[in-house]
Amino acid sequence: MPKPSSSPGPTKAPKNSTAEASAFPLRYAVLAVLLPVALWLYYPSSSAPTPLPTTPVAQPAAVIPEAARCPAQVNPLNVGADWHPEDDAAYEQQAVERLRDAVRFRTEAFDDMGGPEDPRFEIFLELHSLLEASYPRVFASLQVEKVRRHGLLITWQGSDPSLKPVVLMAHQDVVPVDAVTASRWTHPPFSAHLDEHGWIWGRGTTDCKNTLLGALSAFEKLLEDGHKPTRTLIISSGADEEIGGTRSAKYIAERLEERYGRDGVAFILDEGISAIDQAYGLTLARLGIAEKGAVSIKLDVLTPGGHSSVPLGPHTSIGILAKLVTTLEENPEPPIMREGSPLLTELQCAADYGQLPPALKASVRDPSRWEALSRQMSAKDNIIRAFIGTTQAVDLIHGGVKINALPEFATASANYRINFLSSVNATLERLITVLRPTVDSFNLTFDVLGSHANIDNNVVRFNVLPTTAHEPAPLTPATGPAWKLMAGTTRHIWEGAVVTPSGMIGGTDTKHCWNLTRNIFRFVPCSLSLALNLHTVDERLHVDAHMSTIRFYYKLIQNLEGWEAP
C-alpha cells in the first residue's frame, strides 16, 4: 500500500541504552512524565546499579504498615525460548520501519471531535491498512474487530476457555501538534526521522505507537514461531485516549465486559509514565498501580451592573472572583504520603535496597515523620508535590463586556487532579468549606451545585464542569499472581532491577476498565532516558526502547504458559 513520504535516516541504530541519560529533560509539557526525573535529580544515584541483594539491607526494626512496605522482589521469570530482537539486524530494521510508517500517519485527536462519522477519524482507517500490511499473520489468523469503526479489538483465542484472558492496551491517537510550535521541532513532527544516533523523531513515538506496535510485533513473531497460547490474549486499541476515550475505548471495554463478565480479565497492561529508571543507586522498575482522579469546577459571580462611574462597592464581580481565586490558591490541599501512596512505597524500596541520605532514610522509616517529609519534599519540587497530593490549577477566567460598565458576571474554572487515595466528593467538600467564609464575607448567596438555582443576582455559583469528574482508580495489588508475573518478567529483561509500585498523574483508557479486573498495570517497558518529550516539541524514541518493548511483550506472553492464576 502507498506510504507517506519517508525522511532519510540510517537503517541500523547504535545500541546506546545509557549514553542519553544526561539528556533527561527537566520539564516536559506534561507534568506526569517528570516524576522519575525529579526523583533522580532530588536523590543521590550512582552511575551503575548495584546488584540486588537476596534480602533487604539490614536496618533497625521499624513498624511500617504492610501497605507501605516494599514488595518482595520475585525471581526473574523466563518460560520458553528467549528472544533478543535487538541482536537481529534485519529484524530491528524491519521493526523500526514499521514504527516509522505508523508515526507518519497524523492520527491526531481533537477535543471537538464527534463520533465515528467525524471525517477527521478517517486517517485511522489508513493506519489500520498499514498495520494489516505490516502484521499479516495477526490480521489473517486472529479475530480482528472494529469497535465504533476506529477502535481495534484483536483476540488470540487460547486453548483453555476457562482461563481469564489478558488484555494489552495501547491507543492509536496522538496529541495534536500546535501549528504555532511546529517550526520549533528539530525534525518535522510527522516525518519519523531516524537520526544517526538511533532516535526516531515524531509525535506518537512515545505516546504510544511504540507500545501498540510492540504488542503487535510480539504477536506476529509468536505466530511465526508457532506459539499456541493456553490463555486468550487480547490487544485493545482505542482511537480517542487523548480526548477521554468516550468515542471508542469506552465501547471496547463494554464489549469485553459483555463477553467475559465483570472481573472476567486476569490483568490489563496499558501505557504509563512508569518505566525503567536509574535512581537511588538502583535500576528501578516502576509498575503503575494507581491513577489519579480529576474534577474541574466553575465559579460564577453574579452582581448588579451599572455605569462604572458609580461603583456599587469596593469590589465588582471581578474583584469578588479574584478574592475567591486567591482564597483557593492560598489554601491548597496539603500533600501527604501515607500507606498506599506509591511514592512512599518506592522510598521504602530505596531504603531497603538502594542509597538514601541518612536523614531521608530515617524519615522514610518512621511513620510519625511522613507528614513532615511530604511537606518538605513537596516544597522542593512541583513534580513530587503533584505526585503525592491533589493539585489545583485555575486555568480559565473571564468577566465584563465593556470598560465603562460594571461587570454583571465573572467566571473562573479550576482543574483538580485528585490524590490516589482521595475521592471526588472529598475534594469538592473541601473546596466548598474553603470558599464559604469568603462568600459569606461579601454577604452573597452561595449556590452550591444548584442549591439556590432560583437566585440570579448577588450570588456565587459553584458547579462541576460536565464530564470532568472521575474517581482515582482502585489500587492494583502489589502482591499476588499478576504482580509476580509482571515483576518476574521485568526482572528477567532488566537483570537486577528493583520492582516498585508507581502511579499515573494523568489519565489512561483504563478508567473505563475497572469492572474487568482489579489488576491494572500502567507501564512502558523501556528506559525513561530513551523516551523523551512526550506531548511536546521534539517527542522522540530511541530504537533500543522499541526493541526492549517488543522483547518484553514477547516474554510476557510466553511467561503466561503455566501461570497459576484463574
Protein backbone atom coordinates (compact mmCIF):
# COMPACT_ATOMS: atom_id res chain seq x y z
CA MET A 1 0.00 0.00 0.00
CA PRO A 2 1.19 3.59 -0.51
CA LYS A 3 3.08 5.07 2.41
CA PRO A 4 3.58 8.70 3.40
CA SER A 5 6.88 10.09 2.22
CA SER A 6 9.91 8.97 4.20
CA SER A 7 12.63 11.01 5.79
CA PRO A 8 16.19 9.79 5.39
CA GLY A 9 17.99 8.06 8.22
CA PRO A 10 20.31 5.18 8.93
CA THR A 11 18.90 1.72 8.82
CA LYS A 12 20.86 0.49 11.83
CA ALA A 13 20.80 2.41 15.09
CA PRO A 14 23.67 2.09 17.53
CA LYS A 15 22.97 0.38 20.83
CA ASN A 16 23.05 3.09 23.49
CA SER A 17 20.90 2.32 26.49
CA THR A 18 22.62 4.69 28.89
CA ALA A 19 24.52 7.30 26.93
CA GLU A 20 21.50 9.54 26.64
CA ALA A 21 20.63 9.51 30.35
CA SER A 22 22.05 13.01 30.75
CA ALA A 23 19.57 14.19 28.14
CA PHE A 24 16.70 13.87 30.62
CA PRO A 25 14.51 16.94 30.08
CA LEU A 26 13.95 18.92 33.26
CA ARG A 27 10.47 19.90 32.23
CA TYR A 28 8.08 18.06 29.93
CA ALA A 29 4.84 19.74 28.92
CA VAL A 30 3.04 17.02 30.82
CA LEU A 31 3.87 17.09 34.49
CA ALA A 32 3.35 13.38 34.83
CA VAL A 33 6.36 12.39 32.78
CA LEU A 34 8.77 14.23 35.02
CA LEU A 35 8.29 12.42 38.33
CA PRO A 36 11.07 9.86 37.80
CA VAL A 37 13.39 12.61 36.53
CA ALA A 38 12.65 14.75 39.56
CA LEU A 39 13.39 11.88 41.91
CA TRP A 40 16.59 11.13 40.00
CA LEU A 41 17.70 14.73 40.45
CA TYR A 42 16.44 15.00 44.01
CA TYR A 43 18.10 11.91 45.46
CA PRO A 44 21.66 10.63 45.06
CA SER A 45 22.21 7.96 42.48
CA SER A 46 25.23 6.12 41.21
CA SER A 47 26.15 5.73 37.58
CA ALA A 48 25.90 1.96 37.76
CA PRO A 49 23.20 -0.06 39.52
CA THR A 50 24.24 -2.15 42.46
CA PRO A 51 23.37 -5.86 42.38
CA LEU A 52 20.12 -6.68 44.10
CA PRO A 53 20.71 -8.39 47.45
CA THR A 54 18.76 -11.51 48.23
CA THR A 55 17.39 -9.71 51.29
CA PRO A 56 17.00 -6.01 52.09
CA VAL A 57 19.93 -4.14 53.61
CA ALA A 58 19.76 -4.60 57.39
CA GLN A 59 18.01 -1.72 59.15
CA PRO A 60 16.85 -1.08 62.70
CA ALA A 61 13.44 -2.53 63.42
CA ALA A 62 10.59 -0.23 62.43
CA VAL A 63 6.85 -0.65 62.46
CA ILE A 64 5.97 0.03 58.83
CA PRO A 65 2.36 -0.71 57.83
CA GLU A 66 2.13 -3.61 55.42
CA ALA A 67 0.61 -1.44 52.64
CA ALA A 68 3.63 0.88 52.74
CA ARG A 69 6.35 -1.76 52.56
CA CYS A 70 8.43 -2.50 49.51
CA PRO A 71 7.05 -5.58 47.75
CA ALA A 72 9.09 -8.76 47.96
CA GLN A 73 11.41 -8.97 44.97
CA VAL A 74 10.45 -12.04 42.97
CA ASN A 75 12.83 -14.20 40.98
CA PRO A 76 13.25 -13.44 37.26
CA LEU A 77 10.75 -15.39 35.17
CA ASN A 78 11.75 -16.90 31.84
CA VAL A 79 9.44 -19.51 30.30
CA GLY A 80 10.28 -20.91 26.89
CA ALA A 81 12.85 -19.73 24.40
CA ASP A 82 14.33 -16.28 24.91
CA TRP A 83 14.49 -13.77 22.08
CA HIS A 84 16.69 -10.73 21.66
CA PRO A 85 15.26 -8.80 18.71
CA GLU A 86 17.97 -6.17 19.09
CA ASP A 87 20.58 -8.76 18.09
CA ASP A 88 18.94 -9.44 14.71
CA ALA A 89 19.90 -6.52 12.48
CA ALA A 90 17.41 -7.38 9.76
CA TYR A 91 14.55 -7.72 12.22
CA GLU A 92 15.48 -4.50 14.00
CA GLN A 93 15.43 -2.60 10.72
CA GLN A 94 12.02 -4.06 9.89
CA ALA A 95 10.62 -3.16 13.30
CA VAL A 96 11.98 0.37 13.12
CA GLU A 97 10.49 0.92 9.67
CA ARG A 98 7.11 -0.36 10.87
CA LEU A 99 7.15 2.16 13.70
CA ARG A 100 8.27 5.00 11.45
CA ASP A 101 5.50 4.19 8.97
CA ALA A 102 2.90 4.32 11.74
CA VAL A 103 4.20 7.61 13.14
CA ARG A 104 3.82 9.29 9.74
CA PHE A 105 0.04 8.96 9.95
CA ARG A 106 -1.37 12.06 11.66
CA THR A 107 -3.81 10.30 13.93
CA GLU A 108 -4.41 13.45 15.97
CA ALA A 109 -7.33 13.54 18.38
CA PHE A 110 -9.08 16.89 18.88
CA ASP A 111 -11.34 17.80 21.77
CA ASP A 112 -14.20 18.81 19.47
CA MET A 113 -14.28 15.54 17.54
CA GLY A 114 -17.67 13.91 17.22
CA GLY A 115 -18.47 10.23 16.87
CA PRO A 116 -17.26 7.71 14.31
CA GLU A 117 -18.76 9.76 11.50
CA ASP A 118 -16.37 12.66 12.10
CA PRO A 119 -14.21 12.83 8.95
CA ARG A 120 -11.10 13.58 10.99
CA PHE A 121 -11.18 9.98 12.19
CA GLU A 122 -10.78 8.62 8.65
CA ILE A 123 -6.98 8.75 8.90
CA PHE A 124 -7.27 5.95 11.47
CA LEU A 125 -8.63 3.62 8.79
CA GLU A 126 -5.49 4.32 6.77
CA LEU A 127 -3.43 3.41 9.82
CA HIS A 128 -5.40 0.16 10.09
CA SER A 129 -4.49 -0.67 6.50
CA LEU A 130 -0.84 -0.06 7.27
CA LEU A 131 -1.00 -2.30 10.34
CA GLU A 132 -2.68 -5.05 8.35
CA ALA A 133 0.10 -4.90 5.77
CA SER A 134 2.82 -4.76 8.44
CA TYR A 135 1.48 -7.65 10.53
CA PRO A 136 -0.09 -10.06 8.03
CA ARG A 137 -0.20 -13.08 10.35
CA VAL A 138 -2.02 -11.13 13.08
CA PHE A 139 -4.69 -9.83 10.76
CA ALA A 140 -5.09 -13.06 8.80
CA SER A 141 -5.01 -15.57 11.67
CA LEU A 142 -6.66 -13.80 14.61
CA GLN A 143 -10.07 -12.32 15.28
CA VAL A 144 -9.95 -8.62 14.41
CA GLU A 145 -12.94 -6.45 15.28
CA LYS A 146 -13.61 -2.79 14.60
CA VAL A 147 -15.39 -1.17 17.53
CA ARG A 148 -17.18 2.06 16.71
CA ARG A 149 -15.41 1.92 13.35
CA HIS A 150 -11.97 3.07 14.54
CA GLY A 151 -11.29 1.06 17.69
CA LEU A 152 -9.37 -2.19 17.25
CA LEU A 153 -10.00 -5.36 19.25
CA ILE A 154 -7.67 -8.24 18.35
CA THR A 155 -8.29 -11.61 20.03
CA TRP A 156 -5.93 -14.58 20.00
CA GLN A 157 -8.08 -17.39 21.35
CA GLY A 158 -6.40 -19.62 23.89
CA SER A 159 -6.84 -23.37 24.14
CA ASP A 160 -8.36 -23.19 27.65
CA PRO A 161 -11.51 -21.02 27.69
CA SER A 162 -11.81 -21.45 31.46
CA LEU A 163 -8.82 -19.16 31.98
CA LYS A 164 -9.34 -15.41 32.13
CA PRO A 165 -7.83 -13.51 29.19
CA VAL A 166 -5.00 -10.98 29.37
CA VAL A 167 -5.55 -7.58 27.77
CA LEU A 168 -2.73 -5.45 26.31
CA MET A 169 -3.85 -1.87 25.72
CA ALA A 170 -2.34 0.91 23.58
CA HIS A 171 -4.13 3.75 21.84
CA GLN A 172 -3.75 4.82 18.22
CA ASP A 173 -4.38 8.55 18.61
CA VAL A 174 -1.83 11.23 19.40
CA VAL A 175 -1.87 14.72 20.87
CA PRO A 176 -2.24 17.33 18.11
CA VAL A 177 0.82 19.31 17.08
CA ASP A 178 0.31 23.00 17.73
CA ALA A 179 0.78 24.91 14.48
CA VAL A 180 2.38 27.73 16.46
CA THR A 181 5.21 25.48 17.69
CA ALA A 182 5.57 23.13 14.71
CA SER A 183 8.53 25.12 13.42
CA ARG A 184 10.39 24.56 16.69
CA TRP A 185 10.73 20.83 16.05
CA THR A 186 14.25 19.72 15.15
CA HIS A 187 12.66 17.42 12.55
CA PRO A 188 9.08 17.71 11.24
CA PRO A 189 6.69 16.15 13.78
CA PHE A 190 5.28 13.52 11.43
CA SER A 191 8.43 12.81 9.45
CA ALA A 192 9.53 9.91 11.71
CA HIS A 193 13.09 11.00 11.04
CA LEU A 194 15.69 8.46 12.14
CA ASP A 195 18.91 10.20 13.08
CA GLU A 196 22.43 8.86 13.20
CA HIS A 197 22.20 8.28 16.97
CA GLY A 198 19.22 5.94 16.72
CA TRP A 199 16.43 8.39 17.67
CA ILE A 200 13.09 8.29 15.89
CA TRP A 201 11.56 11.78 15.96
CA GLY A 202 7.85 12.36 15.77
CA ARG A 203 4.53 12.79 17.51
CA GLY A 204 3.32 9.47 18.84
CA THR A 205 6.71 7.77 19.08
CA THR A 206 6.49 7.69 22.88
CA ASP A 207 2.71 8.07 23.32
CA CYS A 208 2.01 5.49 22.36
CA LYS A 209 2.65 3.89 18.99
CA ASN A 210 5.76 2.30 20.47
CA THR A 211 3.67 0.09 22.75
CA LEU A 212 0.93 -0.54 20.17
CA LEU A 213 3.44 -1.80 17.64
CA GLY A 214 5.41 -3.54 20.36
CA ALA A 215 2.41 -5.70 21.23
CA LEU A 216 1.59 -6.35 17.56
CA SER A 217 5.22 -7.25 16.86
CA ALA A 218 5.23 -9.78 19.69
CA PHE A 219 2.00 -11.33 18.40
CA GLU A 220 3.42 -11.53 14.88
CA LYS A 221 6.67 -13.17 15.99
CA LEU A 222 4.92 -15.67 18.25
CA LEU A 223 2.57 -16.62 15.41
CA GLU A 224 5.61 -17.11 13.20
CA ASP A 225 7.14 -19.30 15.91
CA GLY A 226 4.01 -21.44 16.02
CA HIS A 227 3.07 -20.41 19.55
CA LYS A 228 -0.27 -21.78 20.78
CA PRO A 229 -1.42 -19.80 23.83
CA THR A 230 -3.26 -21.58 26.59
CA ARG A 231 -4.81 -18.33 27.78
CA THR A 232 -6.67 -15.94 25.47
CA LEU A 233 -4.66 -12.83 24.54
CA ILE A 234 -6.23 -9.55 23.54
CA ILE A 235 -4.93 -6.28 22.09
CA SER A 236 -7.30 -3.39 22.80
CA SER A 237 -6.60 -0.17 20.92
CA GLY A 238 -8.86 2.86 21.08
CA ALA A 239 -8.69 5.89 18.82
CA ASP A 240 -9.50 8.58 21.36
CA GLU A 241 -7.48 8.22 24.56
CA GLU A 242 -6.18 11.78 24.33
CA ILE A 243 -9.76 13.09 24.36
CA GLY A 244 -11.17 10.92 27.11
CA GLY A 245 -11.78 7.57 25.44
CA THR A 246 -15.55 8.04 25.27
CA ARG A 247 -15.79 7.58 21.50
CA SER A 248 -14.15 4.15 21.14
CA ALA A 249 -12.14 2.97 24.18
CA LYS A 250 -15.19 3.01 26.43
CA TYR A 251 -17.08 0.83 23.96
CA ILE A 252 -14.21 -1.63 23.69
CA ALA A 253 -14.25 -2.01 27.48
CA GLU A 254 -18.01 -2.55 27.43
CA ARG A 255 -17.69 -5.23 24.77
CA LEU A 256 -15.05 -7.02 26.80
CA GLU A 257 -17.28 -6.93 29.86
CA GLU A 258 -20.22 -8.29 27.85
CA ARG A 259 -18.00 -11.09 26.56
CA TYR A 260 -16.06 -12.08 29.68
CA GLY A 261 -18.15 -10.67 32.52
CA ARG A 262 -17.37 -8.49 35.49
CA ASP A 263 -13.89 -9.29 36.85
CA GLY A 264 -13.53 -11.54 33.82
CA VAL A 265 -9.99 -10.48 32.83
CA ALA A 266 -6.81 -11.72 34.52
CA PHE A 267 -4.96 -8.45 34.17
CA ILE A 268 -4.58 -5.41 31.92
CA LEU A 269 -1.33 -3.80 30.82
CA ASP A 270 -1.60 -0.28 29.41
CA GLU A 271 0.67 2.67 28.76
CA GLY A 272 2.09 4.74 31.61
CA ILE A 273 4.77 7.16 32.68
CA SER A 274 6.14 4.27 34.73
CA ALA A 275 9.20 2.69 33.15
CA ILE A 276 12.82 1.75 33.82
CA ASP A 277 14.98 4.34 35.53
CA GLN A 278 18.27 4.78 37.37
CA ALA A 279 17.64 6.12 40.87
CA TYR A 280 18.89 5.61 44.44
CA GLY A 281 21.87 3.71 43.05
CA LEU A 282 19.49 1.15 41.56
CA THR A 283 17.93 0.09 38.34
CA LEU A 284 14.36 0.84 39.32
CA ALA A 285 11.38 -0.67 37.52
CA ARG A 286 8.21 1.27 38.30
CA LEU A 287 4.94 -0.56 37.68
CA GLY A 288 1.98 1.80 37.70
CA ILE A 289 -0.68 0.50 40.08
CA ALA A 290 -2.55 3.77 40.62
CA GLU A 291 -4.09 6.59 38.62
CA LYS A 292 -5.17 9.98 39.90
CA GLY A 293 -8.75 11.14 39.64
CA ALA A 294 -9.89 14.50 38.32
CA VAL A 295 -12.59 17.11 38.58
CA SER A 296 -12.99 20.64 37.23
CA ILE A 297 -15.11 23.29 38.91
CA LYS A 298 -16.64 26.54 37.69
CA LEU A 299 -17.19 29.61 39.86
CA ASP A 300 -19.69 32.21 38.63
CA VAL A 301 -20.19 35.54 40.38
CA LEU A 302 -23.37 37.49 39.53
CA THR A 303 -23.79 41.03 40.86
CA PRO A 304 -25.79 44.13 39.82
CA GLY A 305 -24.42 46.16 36.93
CA GLY A 306 -24.37 49.87 36.25
CA HIS A 307 -22.12 52.64 34.98
CA SER A 308 -18.52 52.34 36.09
CA SER A 309 -18.58 55.99 37.22
CA VAL A 310 -20.72 54.90 40.20
CA PRO A 311 -19.26 51.66 41.66
CA LEU A 312 -21.64 49.84 43.96
CA GLY A 313 -18.94 48.99 46.46
CA PRO A 314 -15.22 48.34 46.78
CA HIS A 315 -15.44 45.15 44.69
CA THR A 316 -17.07 44.40 41.36
CA SER A 317 -17.92 40.83 40.44
CA ILE A 318 -14.42 40.57 39.02
CA GLY A 319 -12.90 41.72 42.31
CA ILE A 320 -15.03 39.24 44.25
CA LEU A 321 -14.00 36.47 41.88
CA ALA A 322 -10.36 37.48 42.33
CA LYS A 323 -10.78 37.12 46.10
CA LEU A 324 -12.31 33.68 45.63
CA VAL A 325 -9.48 32.57 43.37
CA THR A 326 -6.95 33.92 45.87
CA THR A 327 -8.72 32.02 48.63
CA LEU A 328 -8.37 28.80 46.67
CA GLU A 329 -4.73 29.36 45.86
CA GLU A 330 -3.85 30.30 49.43
CA ASN A 331 -5.47 27.12 50.74
CA PRO A 332 -4.24 24.19 48.64
CA GLU A 333 -4.85 20.70 49.88
CA PRO A 334 -1.77 19.65 51.87
CA PRO A 335 0.15 16.84 50.15
CA ILE A 336 0.66 13.84 52.34
CA MET A 337 2.09 10.38 51.94
CA ARG A 338 0.53 7.54 53.85
CA GLU A 339 0.29 3.80 53.49
CA GLY A 340 -0.85 3.02 49.97
CA SER A 341 0.91 6.06 48.46
CA PRO A 342 3.04 4.77 45.56
CA LEU A 343 5.90 7.21 46.20
CA LEU A 344 6.13 6.18 49.85
CA THR A 345 6.40 2.53 48.83
CA GLU A 346 9.07 3.45 46.30
CA LEU A 347 11.05 5.22 49.02
CA GLN A 348 10.75 2.11 51.19
CA CYS A 349 12.25 0.10 48.32
CA ALA A 350 15.06 2.64 48.05
CA ALA A 351 15.68 2.35 51.78
CA ASP A 352 15.66 -1.47 51.54
CA TYR A 353 17.94 -1.91 48.55
CA GLY A 354 19.42 1.40 47.48
CA GLN A 355 21.18 4.52 48.63
CA LEU A 356 19.36 7.24 50.58
CA PRO A 357 20.82 10.03 52.69
CA PRO A 358 20.66 9.01 56.36
CA ALA A 359 18.21 11.77 57.32
CA LEU A 360 15.86 10.87 54.50
CA LYS A 361 16.09 7.18 55.30
CA ALA A 362 15.25 7.88 58.93
CA SER A 363 12.15 9.82 57.89
CA VAL A 364 11.08 7.13 55.44
CA ARG A 365 11.36 4.51 58.18
CA ASP A 366 9.35 6.47 60.75
CA PRO A 367 5.59 6.80 60.06
CA SER A 368 5.38 9.72 62.52
CA ARG A 369 7.60 11.73 60.16
CA TRP A 370 5.74 11.02 56.91
CA GLU A 371 3.57 14.12 57.06
CA ALA A 372 6.56 16.43 57.61
CA LEU A 373 8.51 14.58 54.92
CA SER A 374 5.64 15.12 52.49
CA ARG A 375 5.70 18.86 53.13
CA GLN A 376 9.47 19.08 52.77
CA MET A 377 9.60 17.13 49.52
CA SER A 378 6.65 18.99 48.03
CA ALA A 379 8.16 22.37 48.85
CA LYS A 380 11.29 21.47 46.92
CA ASP A 381 9.76 20.08 43.75
CA ASN A 382 6.47 20.69 41.93
CA ILE A 383 6.55 17.25 40.37
CA ILE A 384 6.81 15.46 43.68
CA ARG A 385 4.01 17.67 45.03
CA ALA A 386 1.83 16.68 42.09
CA PHE A 387 2.58 13.02 42.68
CA ILE A 388 1.66 12.89 46.36
CA GLY A 389 -1.22 15.34 46.60
CA THR A 390 -4.27 16.82 44.93
CA THR A 391 -3.19 19.58 42.56
CA GLN A 392 -5.08 22.75 41.74
CA ALA A 393 -4.80 24.92 38.64
CA VAL A 394 -7.06 27.89 37.91
CA ASP A 395 -6.91 27.81 34.12
CA LEU A 396 -9.78 29.96 32.83
CA ILE A 397 -11.14 33.35 33.87
CA HIS A 398 -13.43 35.90 32.23
CA GLY A 399 -15.52 38.88 33.25
CA GLY A 400 -17.08 42.08 31.94
CA VAL A 401 -18.07 43.22 28.48
CA LYS A 402 -17.13 46.93 28.40
CA ILE A 403 -14.63 49.17 30.10
CA ASN A 404 -17.25 51.65 31.37
CA ALA A 405 -19.82 49.10 32.51
CA LEU A 406 -19.80 47.36 35.87
CA PRO A 407 -19.44 43.64 35.21
CA GLU A 408 -22.62 41.74 35.98
CA PHE A 409 -20.96 38.36 35.55
CA ALA A 410 -17.48 36.94 36.13
CA THR A 411 -16.42 33.33 35.89
CA ALA A 412 -13.37 31.18 36.55
CA SER A 413 -12.66 27.47 36.19
CA ALA A 414 -10.13 25.33 38.02
CA ASN A 415 -8.85 21.82 37.38
CA TYR A 416 -8.02 19.33 40.14
CA ARG A 417 -6.04 16.13 39.81
CA ILE A 418 -7.08 14.08 42.79
CA ASN A 419 -4.72 12.25 45.13
CA PHE A 420 -4.53 8.49 44.52
CA LEU A 421 -6.08 7.87 47.95
CA SER A 422 -8.78 10.58 47.94
CA SER A 423 -12.09 10.98 46.08
CA VAL A 424 -14.14 13.44 44.04
CA ASN A 425 -16.56 14.08 46.90
CA ALA A 426 -13.78 14.70 49.43
CA THR A 427 -12.19 17.18 47.04
CA LEU A 428 -15.44 19.08 46.41
CA GLU A 429 -16.39 19.15 50.09
CA ARG A 430 -13.02 20.64 50.99
CA LEU A 431 -13.32 23.34 48.29
CA ILE A 432 -16.80 24.30 49.43
CA THR A 433 -15.58 24.57 53.02
CA VAL A 434 -12.63 26.72 51.96
CA LEU A 435 -14.74 29.09 49.83
CA ARG A 436 -17.77 29.56 52.08
CA PRO A 437 -16.24 32.10 54.53
CA THR A 438 -15.14 34.33 51.65
CA VAL A 439 -18.57 34.15 50.02
CA ASP A 440 -20.19 34.98 53.37
CA SER A 441 -17.86 37.94 53.86
CA PHE A 442 -19.43 39.59 50.80
CA ASN A 443 -22.94 38.79 52.04
CA LEU A 444 -23.64 36.80 48.91
CA THR A 445 -25.70 33.66 48.44
CA PHE A 446 -23.60 30.54 47.91
CA ASP A 447 -25.29 28.38 45.28
CA VAL A 448 -23.54 25.05 45.72
CA LEU A 449 -24.29 22.54 42.99
CA GLY A 450 -27.71 24.08 42.32
CA SER A 451 -28.77 24.54 45.94
CA HIS A 452 -30.04 28.08 45.20
CA ALA A 453 -30.55 27.91 41.46
CA ASN A 454 -33.53 30.27 41.64
CA ILE A 455 -31.37 33.21 42.77
CA ASP A 456 -29.90 35.11 39.83
CA ASN A 457 -28.15 38.09 41.46
CA ASN A 458 -25.76 38.69 44.35
CA VAL A 459 -24.86 35.04 44.17
CA VAL A 460 -21.77 32.87 43.79
CA ARG A 461 -22.41 29.63 41.92
CA PHE A 462 -20.21 26.58 42.47
CA ASN A 463 -20.62 23.84 39.85
CA VAL A 464 -18.77 20.88 38.43
CA LEU A 465 -17.99 21.11 34.73
CA PRO A 466 -19.79 18.35 32.81
CA THR A 467 -17.94 15.05 32.21
CA THR A 468 -14.86 16.17 34.17
CA ALA A 469 -15.34 14.19 37.39
CA HIS A 470 -13.82 10.75 37.70
CA GLU A 471 -12.54 8.97 40.75
CA PRO A 472 -8.97 7.85 41.36
CA ALA A 473 -8.50 4.31 40.11
CA PRO A 474 -8.73 1.40 42.55
CA LEU A 475 -5.21 0.43 43.62
CA THR A 476 -3.80 -2.65 41.91
CA PRO A 477 -2.42 -5.10 44.50
CA ALA A 478 1.38 -5.20 44.65
CA THR A 479 1.09 -8.85 45.65
CA GLY A 480 -0.41 -11.97 44.12
CA PRO A 481 -0.04 -13.79 40.79
CA ALA A 482 -0.46 -10.81 38.43
CA TRP A 483 2.10 -8.68 40.25
CA LYS A 484 4.56 -11.59 40.43
CA LEU A 485 4.17 -12.28 36.71
CA MET A 486 4.78 -8.65 35.76
CA ALA A 487 7.65 -8.25 38.23
CA GLY A 488 9.28 -11.55 37.28
CA THR A 489 9.13 -10.74 33.57
CA THR A 490 10.53 -7.28 34.18
CA ARG A 491 13.41 -8.62 36.27
CA HIS A 492 14.27 -11.10 33.52
CA ILE A 493 14.56 -8.34 30.92
CA TRP A 494 16.32 -5.90 33.28
CA GLU A 495 18.62 -8.03 35.41
CA GLY A 496 18.91 -6.87 39.00
CA ALA A 497 16.12 -4.33 38.78
CA VAL A 498 14.14 -3.49 41.90
CA VAL A 499 10.44 -3.50 41.06
CA THR A 500 8.29 -0.98 42.89
CA PRO A 501 4.74 0.37 42.62
CA SER A 502 4.22 3.72 40.94
CA GLY A 503 1.27 5.73 39.66
CA MET A 504 -0.14 7.84 36.84
CA ILE A 505 -0.67 11.57 37.33
CA GLY A 506 -2.53 11.79 34.04
CA GLY A 507 -5.33 9.56 32.83
CA THR A 508 -5.44 6.46 30.62
CA ASP A 509 -8.10 4.41 28.88
CA THR A 510 -8.02 2.01 31.83
CA LYS A 511 -10.51 4.27 33.62
CA HIS A 512 -13.15 2.53 31.50
CA CYS A 513 -11.93 -0.93 32.54
CA TRP A 514 -12.34 -1.03 36.31
CA ASN A 515 -15.15 -3.60 36.03
CA LEU A 516 -12.90 -6.00 34.12
CA THR A 517 -10.20 -6.65 36.72
CA ARG A 518 -8.54 -5.26 39.82
CA ASN A 519 -5.13 -5.98 38.25
CA ILE A 520 -4.40 -2.99 36.02
CA PHE A 521 -0.78 -2.08 35.30
CA ARG A 522 0.46 1.06 33.58
CA PHE A 523 3.98 0.51 32.31
CA VAL A 524 6.17 1.26 29.31
CA PRO A 525 8.84 -1.45 29.04
CA CYS A 526 11.82 0.73 28.19
CA SER A 527 14.29 3.09 29.79
CA LEU A 528 12.87 6.53 30.57
CA SER A 529 16.04 8.08 29.22
CA LEU A 530 15.21 6.63 25.79
CA ALA A 531 11.68 8.06 25.51
CA LEU A 532 11.71 11.84 25.56
CA ASN A 533 9.40 14.86 25.29
CA LEU A 534 6.01 13.20 25.48
CA HIS A 535 3.23 15.64 24.47
CA THR A 536 5.61 18.41 23.48
CA VAL A 537 8.10 19.64 20.88
CA ASP A 538 10.71 17.10 19.72
CA GLU A 539 8.98 13.99 21.00
CA ARG A 540 11.27 11.08 20.18
CA LEU A 541 12.07 7.47 20.98
CA HIS A 542 15.33 5.59 20.74
CA VAL A 543 15.46 2.41 18.69
CA ASP A 544 16.68 0.49 21.74
CA ALA A 545 13.50 1.46 23.60
CA HIS A 546 11.35 -0.04 20.86
CA MET A 547 13.40 -3.23 20.86
CA SER A 548 13.05 -3.65 24.63
CA THR A 549 9.31 -3.04 24.33
CA ILE A 550 8.94 -5.82 21.75
CA ARG A 551 11.10 -8.19 23.78
CA PHE A 552 9.11 -7.53 26.96
CA TYR A 553 5.73 -8.27 25.35
CA TYR A 554 7.13 -11.41 23.72
CA LYS A 555 8.47 -12.72 27.02
CA LEU A 556 5.38 -11.70 29.00
CA ILE A 557 3.17 -13.74 26.67
CA GLN A 558 5.49 -16.75 26.91
CA ASN A 559 5.52 -16.44 30.70
CA LEU A 560 1.76 -16.90 30.74
CA GLU A 561 2.25 -20.57 29.92
CA GLY A 562 1.84 -22.45 33.18
CA TRP A 563 0.97 -19.26 35.05
CA GLU A 564 -1.09 -20.25 38.06
CA ALA A 565 -3.95 -17.77 38.03
CA PRO A 566 -7.67 -18.09 37.24
